[in-house]
Amino acid sequence: MAKLDHIMYSVSNLQDGISEIFNLTGVTAEFGGAHPGNGTCNALLSFGDSQYLEIIAPDPSQNLAGTLGEELQAHDFSGIRTWAVVVYDFATVIPVLEKFGYQHSVLDMNRTRPDGVRLDWQLLFVNQHPFGNFIPFFINWLGSPHPSDNTVGGCGLSGFAVELINESAQYRSLMDALDIDVEVLEGPDGMRAVIDSPKGRVLLH
């Protein structure tokens, strides 16, 4: 069964995001690196078990025009943006998406860690579907070291759920077809993560 790889927590300023998560958890996320061409940079907090929290923000050293960084810069709030599921072969995902009538796109990504190690991976995004950012994107690490193994720990992910007012049955059907282990609830549209931290249980929306 495919499992959650990481939660993307978007902020308009990386240092502010690191401070926000520290105030909630008591753990300081570590700078991960920049995403060239994407206009973003990140800081990471490992949950262990090959899962982590990614704080993602605009990278002011890049040209942000037309990038995700530009989009994040325009929104002065923080919160869960979306989530990623790890797969080792996109060929297991694409036929399922096509059966549901959805399109996809694949993006090559990389970043260099502060210790000089370069990570390369691929992302698959689901296109032309009705669920917005509630649909995860898929990540293939292509043999790169998993980020959760090389960043600060101290927190654990005890729960993650997607809530939808409408079409939750269709969403559940898609998640089941993709063999993704996620809790789907009926409720106000949103995502929530329950984190066990040194400061107690934390709920991220």
C-alpha atoms as a PDB file:
ATOM      1  CA  MET A   1       0.000   0.000   0.000  1.00  0.00           C
ATOM      2  CA  ALA A   2       1.314   3.446  -0.965  1.00  0.00           C
ATOM      3  CA  LYS A   3       1.953   5.707   2.003  1.00  0.00           C
ATOM      4  CA  LEU A   4       2.380   9.365   2.763  1.00  0.00           C
ATOM      5  CA  ASP A   5       5.922  10.577   2.093  1.00  0.00           C
ATOM      6  CA  HIS A   6       5.678  14.150   3.315  1.00  0.00           C
ATOM      7  CA  ILE A   7       3.307  16.979   4.143  1.00  0.00           C
ATOM      8  CA  MET A   8       3.909  20.290   2.401  1.00  0.00           C
ATOM      9  CA  TYR A   9       3.349  23.183   4.815  1.00  0.00           C
ATOM     10  CA  SER A  10       3.465  26.439   2.859  1.00  0.00           C
ATOM     11  CA  VAL A  11       4.520  29.820   4.235  1.00  0.00           C
ATOM     12  CA  SER A  12       5.339  33.183   2.699  1.00  0.00           C
ATOM     13  CA  ASN A  13       8.661  33.479   4.577  1.00  0.00           C
ATOM     14  CA  LEU A  14      10.841  30.505   5.447  1.00  0.00           C
ATOM     15  CA  GLN A  15      12.265  31.812   8.717  1.00  0.00           C
ATOM     16  CA  ASP A  16       8.794  32.777   9.916  1.00  0.00           C
ATOM     17  CA  GLY A  17       7.612  29.270   9.088  1.00  0.00           C
ATOM     18  CA  ILE A  18      10.490  27.682  10.987  1.00  0.00           C
ATOM     19  CA  SER A  19       9.654  29.881  13.991  1.00  0.00           C
ATOM     20  CA  GLU A  20       5.967  28.990  13.784  1.00  0.00           C
ATOM     21  CA  ILE A  21       6.647  25.247  13.806  1.00  0.00           C
ATOM     22  CA  PHE A  22       9.187  25.661  16.619  1.00  0.00           C
ATOM     23  CA  ASN A  23       6.646  27.539  18.747  1.00  0.00           C
ATOM     24  CA  LEU A  24       4.156  24.706  18.212  1.00  0.00           C
ATOM     25  CA  THR A  25       6.455  21.707  18.599  1.00  0.00           C
ATOM     26  CA  GLY A  26       9.637  22.818  20.337  1.00  0.00           C
ATOM     27  CA  VAL A  27      11.710  21.518  17.401  1.00  0.00           C
ATOM     28  CA  THR A  28      13.609  23.746  14.957  1.00  0.00           C
ATOM     29  CA  ALA A  29      13.250  22.492  11.393  1.00  0.00           C
ATOM     30  CA  GLU A  30      16.525  22.401   9.465  1.00  0.00           C
ATOM     31  CA  PHE A  31      17.176  24.229   6.201  1.00  0.00           C
ATOM     32  CA  GLY A  32      17.006  21.755   3.348  1.00  0.00           C
ATOM     33  CA  GLY A  33      17.971  23.753   0.276  1.00  0.00           C
ATOM     34  CA  ALA A  34      16.559  25.558  -2.736  1.00  0.00           C
ATOM     35  CA  HIS A  35      14.607  24.182  -5.687  1.00  0.00           C
ATOM     36  CA  PRO A  36      16.191  25.751  -8.804  1.00  0.00           C
ATOM     37  CA  GLY A  37      13.617  27.018 -11.272  1.00  0.00           C
ATOM     38  CA  ASN A  38      10.734  26.445  -8.872  1.00  0.00           C
ATOM     39  CA  GLY A  39      11.283  29.647  -6.913  1.00  0.00           C
ATOM     40  CA  THR A  40      11.167  27.854  -3.577  1.00  0.00           C
ATOM     41  CA  CYS A  41      13.315  26.709  -0.686  1.00  0.00           C
ATOM     42  CA  ASN A  42      12.496  24.528   2.287  1.00  0.00           C
ATOM     43  CA  ALA A  43      13.169  23.425   5.834  1.00  0.00           C
ATOM     44  CA  LEU A  44      12.480  19.918   7.063  1.00  0.00           C
ATOM     45  CA  LEU A  45      11.412  18.103  10.199  1.00  0.00           C
ATOM     46  CA  SER A  46      11.582  14.303  10.221  1.00  0.00           C
ATOM     47  CA  PHE A  47       8.757  12.152  11.553  1.00  0.00           C
ATOM     48  CA  GLY A  48      10.881   9.031  11.143  1.00  0.00           C
ATOM     49  CA  ASP A  49       9.635   6.014   9.178  1.00  0.00           C
ATOM     50  CA  SER A  50      10.513   7.747   5.869  1.00  0.00           C
ATOM     51  CA  GLN A  51       8.061  10.600   6.481  1.00  0.00           C
ATOM     52  CA  TYR A  52       8.615  14.303   7.144  1.00  0.00           C
ATOM     53  CA  LEU A  53       7.172  17.791   7.282  1.00  0.00           C
ATOM     54  CA  GLU A  54       8.348  20.149   4.549  1.00  0.00           C
ATOM     55  CA  ILE A  55       8.074  23.859   5.281  1.00  0.00           C
ATOM     56  CA  ILE A  56       8.146  25.395   1.808  1.00  0.00           C
ATOM     57  CA  ALA A  57       8.557  29.090   1.069  1.00  0.00           C
ATOM     58  CA  PRO A  58       9.555  31.514  -1.689  1.00  0.00           C
ATOM     59  CA  ASP A  59      13.285  31.667  -2.331  1.00  0.00           C
ATOM     60  CA  PRO A  60      14.187  35.379  -2.612  1.00  0.00           C
ATOM     61  CA  SER A  61      17.445  34.537  -4.398  1.00  0.00           C
ATOM     62  CA  GLN A  62      15.532  33.236  -7.437  1.00  0.00           C
ATOM     63  CA  ASN A  63      13.440  34.917 -10.105  1.00  0.00           C
ATOM     64  CA  LEU A  64       9.957  34.136  -8.816  1.00  0.00           C
ATOM     65  CA  ALA A  65       7.963  35.122 -11.912  1.00  0.00           C
ATOM     66  CA  GLY A  66       5.658  32.279 -12.926  1.00  0.00           C
ATOM     67  CA  THR A  67       6.874  29.935 -10.178  1.00  0.00           C
ATOM     68  CA  LEU A  68       5.380  28.286  -7.137  1.00  0.00           C
ATOM     69  CA  GLY A  69       7.492  30.689  -5.112  1.00  0.00           C
ATOM     70  CA  GLU A  70       5.588  33.615  -6.597  1.00  0.00           C
ATOM     71  CA  GLU A  71       2.291  31.973  -5.647  1.00  0.00           C
ATOM     72  CA  LEU A  72       3.433  31.375  -2.065  1.00  0.00           C
ATOM     73  CA  GLN A  73       4.732  34.924  -1.751  1.00  0.00           C
ATOM     74  CA  ALA A  74       1.309  36.286  -2.686  1.00  0.00           C
ATOM     75  CA  HIS A  75      -0.443  34.452   0.164  1.00  0.00           C
ATOM     76  CA  ASP A  76       0.290  35.858   3.602  1.00  0.00           C
ATOM     77  CA  PHE A  77      -0.797  32.799   5.581  1.00  0.00           C
ATOM     78  CA  SER A  78       0.545  29.399   6.513  1.00  0.00           C
ATOM     79  CA  GLY A  79      -0.971  25.947   6.401  1.00  0.00           C
ATOM     80  CA  ILE A  80      -0.959  22.522   4.800  1.00  0.00           C
ATOM     81  CA  ARG A  81      -0.838  23.052   1.054  1.00  0.00           C
ATOM     82  CA  THR A  82      -0.858  19.457  -0.121  1.00  0.00           C
ATOM     83  CA  TRP A  83       0.805  16.102   0.489  1.00  0.00           C
ATOM     84  CA  ALA A  84       3.024  13.617  -1.287  1.00  0.00           C
ATOM     85  CA  VAL A  85       2.869   9.846  -1.693  1.00  0.00           C
ATOM     86  CA  VAL A  86       5.998   7.836  -2.419  1.00  0.00           C
ATOM     87  CA  VAL A  87       6.053   5.439  -5.375  1.00  0.00           C
ATOM     88  CA  TYR A  88       8.891   3.626  -7.101  1.00  0.00           C
ATOM     89  CA  ASP A  89       7.367   3.362 -10.556  1.00  0.00           C
ATOM     90  CA  PHE A  90       4.903   5.869 -11.993  1.00  0.00           C
ATOM     91  CA  ALA A  91       3.647   3.121 -14.309  1.00  0.00           C
ATOM     92  CA  THR A  92       1.635   1.805 -11.355  1.00  0.00           C
ATOM     93  CA  VAL A  93      -0.163   5.148 -11.016  1.00  0.00           C
ATOM     94  CA  ILE A  94      -0.778   6.353 -14.570  1.00  0.00           C
ATOM     95  CA  PRO A  95      -3.247   3.625 -15.704  1.00  0.00           C
ATOM     96  CA  VAL A  96      -5.401   4.261 -12.617  1.00  0.00           C
ATOM     97  CA  LEU A  97      -5.527   7.990 -13.304  1.00  0.00           C
ATOM     98  CA  GLU A  98      -6.434   7.352 -16.939  1.00  0.00           C
ATOM     99  CA  LYS A  99      -9.244   5.015 -15.858  1.00  0.00           C
ATOM    100  CA  PHE A 100     -10.721   7.888 -13.829  1.00  0.00           C
ATOM    101  CA  GLY A 101     -10.296  10.261 -16.778  1.00  0.00           C
ATOM    102  CA  TYR A 102      -7.521  12.331 -15.193  1.00  0.00           C
ATOM    103  CA  GLN A 103      -4.359  13.596 -16.840  1.00  0.00           C
ATOM    104  CA  HIS A 104      -0.858  13.812 -15.392  1.00  0.00           C
ATOM    105  CA  SER A 105       2.461  15.583 -15.783  1.00  0.00           C
ATOM    106  CA  VAL A 106       5.958  14.601 -14.635  1.00  0.00           C
ATOM    107  CA  LEU A 107       8.578  17.032 -13.356  1.00  0.00           C
ATOM    108  CA  ASP A 108      12.273  16.458 -12.675  1.00  0.00           C
ATOM    109  CA  MET A 109      13.460  18.125  -9.483  1.00  0.00           C
ATOM    110  CA  ASN A 110      16.668  18.547  -7.522  1.00  0.00           C
ATOM    111  CA  ARG A 111      18.209  20.392  -4.616  1.00  0.00           C
ATOM    112  CA  THR A 112      21.586  20.415  -2.927  1.00  0.00           C
ATOM    113  CA  ARG A 113      21.673  19.879   0.818  1.00  0.00           C
ATOM    114  CA  PRO A 114      23.746  22.193   3.042  1.00  0.00           C
ATOM    115  CA  ASP A 115      26.348  19.398   3.274  1.00  0.00           C
ATOM    116  CA  GLY A 116      26.776  19.453  -0.511  1.00  0.00           C
ATOM    117  CA  VAL A 117      24.861  16.263  -1.300  1.00  0.00           C
ATOM    118  CA  ARG A 118      22.649  16.663  -4.367  1.00  0.00           C
ATOM    119  CA  LEU A 119      19.224  15.019  -4.354  1.00  0.00           C
ATOM    120  CA  ASP A 120      17.409  14.220  -7.592  1.00  0.00           C
ATOM    121  CA  TRP A 121      13.821  13.020  -7.800  1.00  0.00           C
ATOM    122  CA  GLN A 122      10.736  13.018 -10.000  1.00  0.00           C
ATOM    123  CA  LEU A 123       7.238  14.261  -9.259  1.00  0.00           C
ATOM    124  CA  LEU A 124       3.996  13.204 -10.880  1.00  0.00           C
ATOM    125  CA  PHE A 125       1.101  15.653 -10.629  1.00  0.00           C
ATOM    126  CA  VAL A 126      -2.525  14.737 -11.292  1.00  0.00           C
ATOM    127  CA  ASN A 127      -4.216  17.180 -13.675  1.00  0.00           C
ATOM    128  CA  GLN A 128      -7.808  17.932 -14.678  1.00  0.00           C
ATOM    129  CA  HIS A 129      -9.501  16.547 -11.582  1.00  0.00           C
ATOM    130  CA  PRO A 130     -12.059  18.116  -9.208  1.00  0.00           C
ATOM    131  CA  PHE A 131     -10.184  17.827  -5.907  1.00  0.00           C
ATOM    132  CA  GLY A 132      -7.629  20.664  -5.979  1.00  0.00           C
ATOM    133  CA  ASN A 133      -4.660  20.263  -3.643  1.00  0.00           C
ATOM    134  CA  PHE A 134      -6.407  17.471  -1.740  1.00  0.00           C
ATOM    135  CA  ILE A 135      -5.099  15.061  -4.373  1.00  0.00           C
ATOM    136  CA  PRO A 136      -1.536  14.153  -3.429  1.00  0.00           C
ATOM    137  CA  PHE A 137       1.319  14.357  -5.846  1.00  0.00           C
ATOM    138  CA  PHE A 138       3.579  11.352  -6.287  1.00  0.00           C
ATOM    139  CA  ILE A 139       7.313  11.277  -5.662  1.00  0.00           C
ATOM    140  CA  ASN A 140       9.988   8.865  -6.855  1.00  0.00           C
ATOM    141  CA  TRP A 141      13.285   9.475  -5.064  1.00  0.00           C
ATOM    142  CA  LEU A 142      15.302   7.772  -7.813  1.00  0.00           C
ATOM    143  CA  GLY A 143      17.696   6.294  -5.288  1.00  0.00           C
ATOM    144  CA  SER A 144      18.493   9.609  -3.562  1.00  0.00           C
ATOM    145  CA  PRO A 145      18.797   9.508   0.247  1.00  0.00           C
ATOM    146  CA  HIS A 146      15.410  10.049   1.829  1.00  0.00           C
ATOM    147  CA  PRO A 147      15.204  13.476   3.522  1.00  0.00           C
ATOM    148  CA  SER A 148      13.765  12.016   6.715  1.00  0.00           C
ATOM    149  CA  ASP A 149      17.063  10.187   7.306  1.00  0.00           C
ATOM    150  CA  ASN A 150      19.185  13.347   7.246  1.00  0.00           C
ATOM    151  CA  THR A 151      17.283  16.001   9.156  1.00  0.00           C
ATOM    152  CA  VAL A 152      16.204  16.839  12.690  1.00  0.00           C
ATOM    153  CA  GLY A 153      13.693  14.533  14.380  1.00  0.00           C
ATOM    154  CA  GLY A 154      11.867  14.643  17.676  1.00  0.00           C
ATOM    155  CA  CYS A 155       8.312  14.583  16.328  1.00  0.00           C
ATOM    156  CA  GLY A 156       6.037  11.821  15.096  1.00  0.00           C
ATOM    157  CA  LEU A 157       3.078  11.819  12.740  1.00  0.00           C
ATOM    158  CA  SER A 158       0.185  10.132  14.524  1.00  0.00           C
ATOM    159  CA  GLY A 159      -2.549  10.966  12.021  1.00  0.00           C
ATOM    160  CA  PHE A 160      -3.364  12.589   8.693  1.00  0.00           C
ATOM    161  CA  ALA A 161      -6.816  13.085   7.196  1.00  0.00           C
ATOM    162  CA  VAL A 162      -8.522  14.748   4.241  1.00  0.00           C
ATOM    163  CA  GLU A 163     -11.959  16.287   4.816  1.00  0.00           C
ATOM    164  CA  LEU A 164     -14.353  17.032   1.948  1.00  0.00           C
ATOM    165  CA  ILE A 165     -17.846  18.488   1.958  1.00  0.00           C
ATOM    166  CA  ASN A 166     -18.723  17.092  -1.455  1.00  0.00           C
ATOM    167  CA  GLU A 167     -17.526  14.139  -3.540  1.00  0.00           C
ATOM    168  CA  SER A 168     -15.878  12.373  -0.613  1.00  0.00           C
ATOM    169  CA  ALA A 169     -17.136   9.027  -1.971  1.00  0.00           C
ATOM    170  CA  GLN A 170     -15.500   9.669  -5.353  1.00  0.00           C
ATOM    171  CA  TYR A 171     -12.320  10.734  -3.598  1.00  0.00           C
ATOM    172  CA  ARG A 172     -12.306   7.565  -1.470  1.00  0.00           C
ATOM    173  CA  SER A 173     -12.811   5.503  -4.596  1.00  0.00           C
ATOM    174  CA  LEU A 174      -9.761   7.099  -6.212  1.00  0.00           C
ATOM    175  CA  MET A 175      -7.598   6.634  -3.116  1.00  0.00           C
ATOM    176  CA  ASP A 176      -8.641   2.980  -2.916  1.00  0.00           C
ATOM    177  CA  ALA A 177      -7.871   2.426  -6.600  1.00  0.00           C
ATOM    178  CA  LEU A 178      -4.421   3.991  -6.094  1.00  0.00           C
ATOM    179  CA  ASP A 179      -3.948   1.840  -2.969  1.00  0.00           C
ATOM    180  CA  ILE A 180      -3.213   4.912  -0.846  1.00  0.00           C
ATOM    181  CA  ASP A 181      -3.583   4.641   2.907  1.00  0.00           C
ATOM    182  CA  VAL A 182      -5.300   7.854   4.007  1.00  0.00           C
ATOM    183  CA  GLU A 183      -8.243   8.712   6.242  1.00  0.00           C
ATOM    184  CA  VAL A 184     -11.038  10.464   4.315  1.00  0.00           C
ATOM    185  CA  LEU A 185     -13.748  12.261   6.282  1.00  0.00           C
ATOM    186  CA  GLU A 186     -16.865  14.231   5.447  1.00  0.00           C
ATOM    187  CA  GLY A 187     -16.541  17.781   6.695  1.00  0.00           C
ATOM    188  CA  PRO A 188     -15.360  21.278   5.778  1.00  0.00           C
ATOM    189  CA  ASP A 189     -12.819  21.035   2.956  1.00  0.00           C
ATOM    190  CA  GLY A 190      -9.366  20.752   4.474  1.00  0.00           C
ATOM    191  CA  MET A 191      -6.430  18.614   5.519  1.00  0.00           C
ATOM    192  CA  ARG A 192      -5.209  17.989   9.029  1.00  0.00           C
ATOM    193  CA  ALA A 193      -2.140  16.391  10.518  1.00  0.00           C
ATOM    194  CA  VAL A 194      -1.760  15.291  14.131  1.00  0.00           C
ATOM    195  CA  ILE A 195       1.831  15.531  15.349  1.00  0.00           C
ATOM    196  CA  ASP A 196       3.257  14.263  18.602  1.00  0.00           C
ATOM    197  CA  SER A 197       5.977  16.681  19.710  1.00  0.00           C
ATOM    198  CA  PRO A 198       8.080  17.549  22.759  1.00  0.00           C
ATOM    199  CA  LYS A 199       5.440  20.154  23.570  1.00  0.00           C
ATOM    200  CA  GLY A 200       2.563  17.697  23.273  1.00  0.00           C
ATOM    201  CA  ARG A 201       0.084  16.909  20.538  1.00  0.00           C
ATOM    202  CA  VAL A 202      -0.115  19.501  17.748  1.00  0.00           C
ATOM    203  CA  LEU A 203      -2.798  19.850  15.066  1.00  0.00           C
ATOM    204  CA  LEU A 204      -1.819  21.372  11.722  1.00  0.00           C
ATOM    205  CA  HIS A 205      -4.495  22.418   9.221  1.00  0.00           C
END
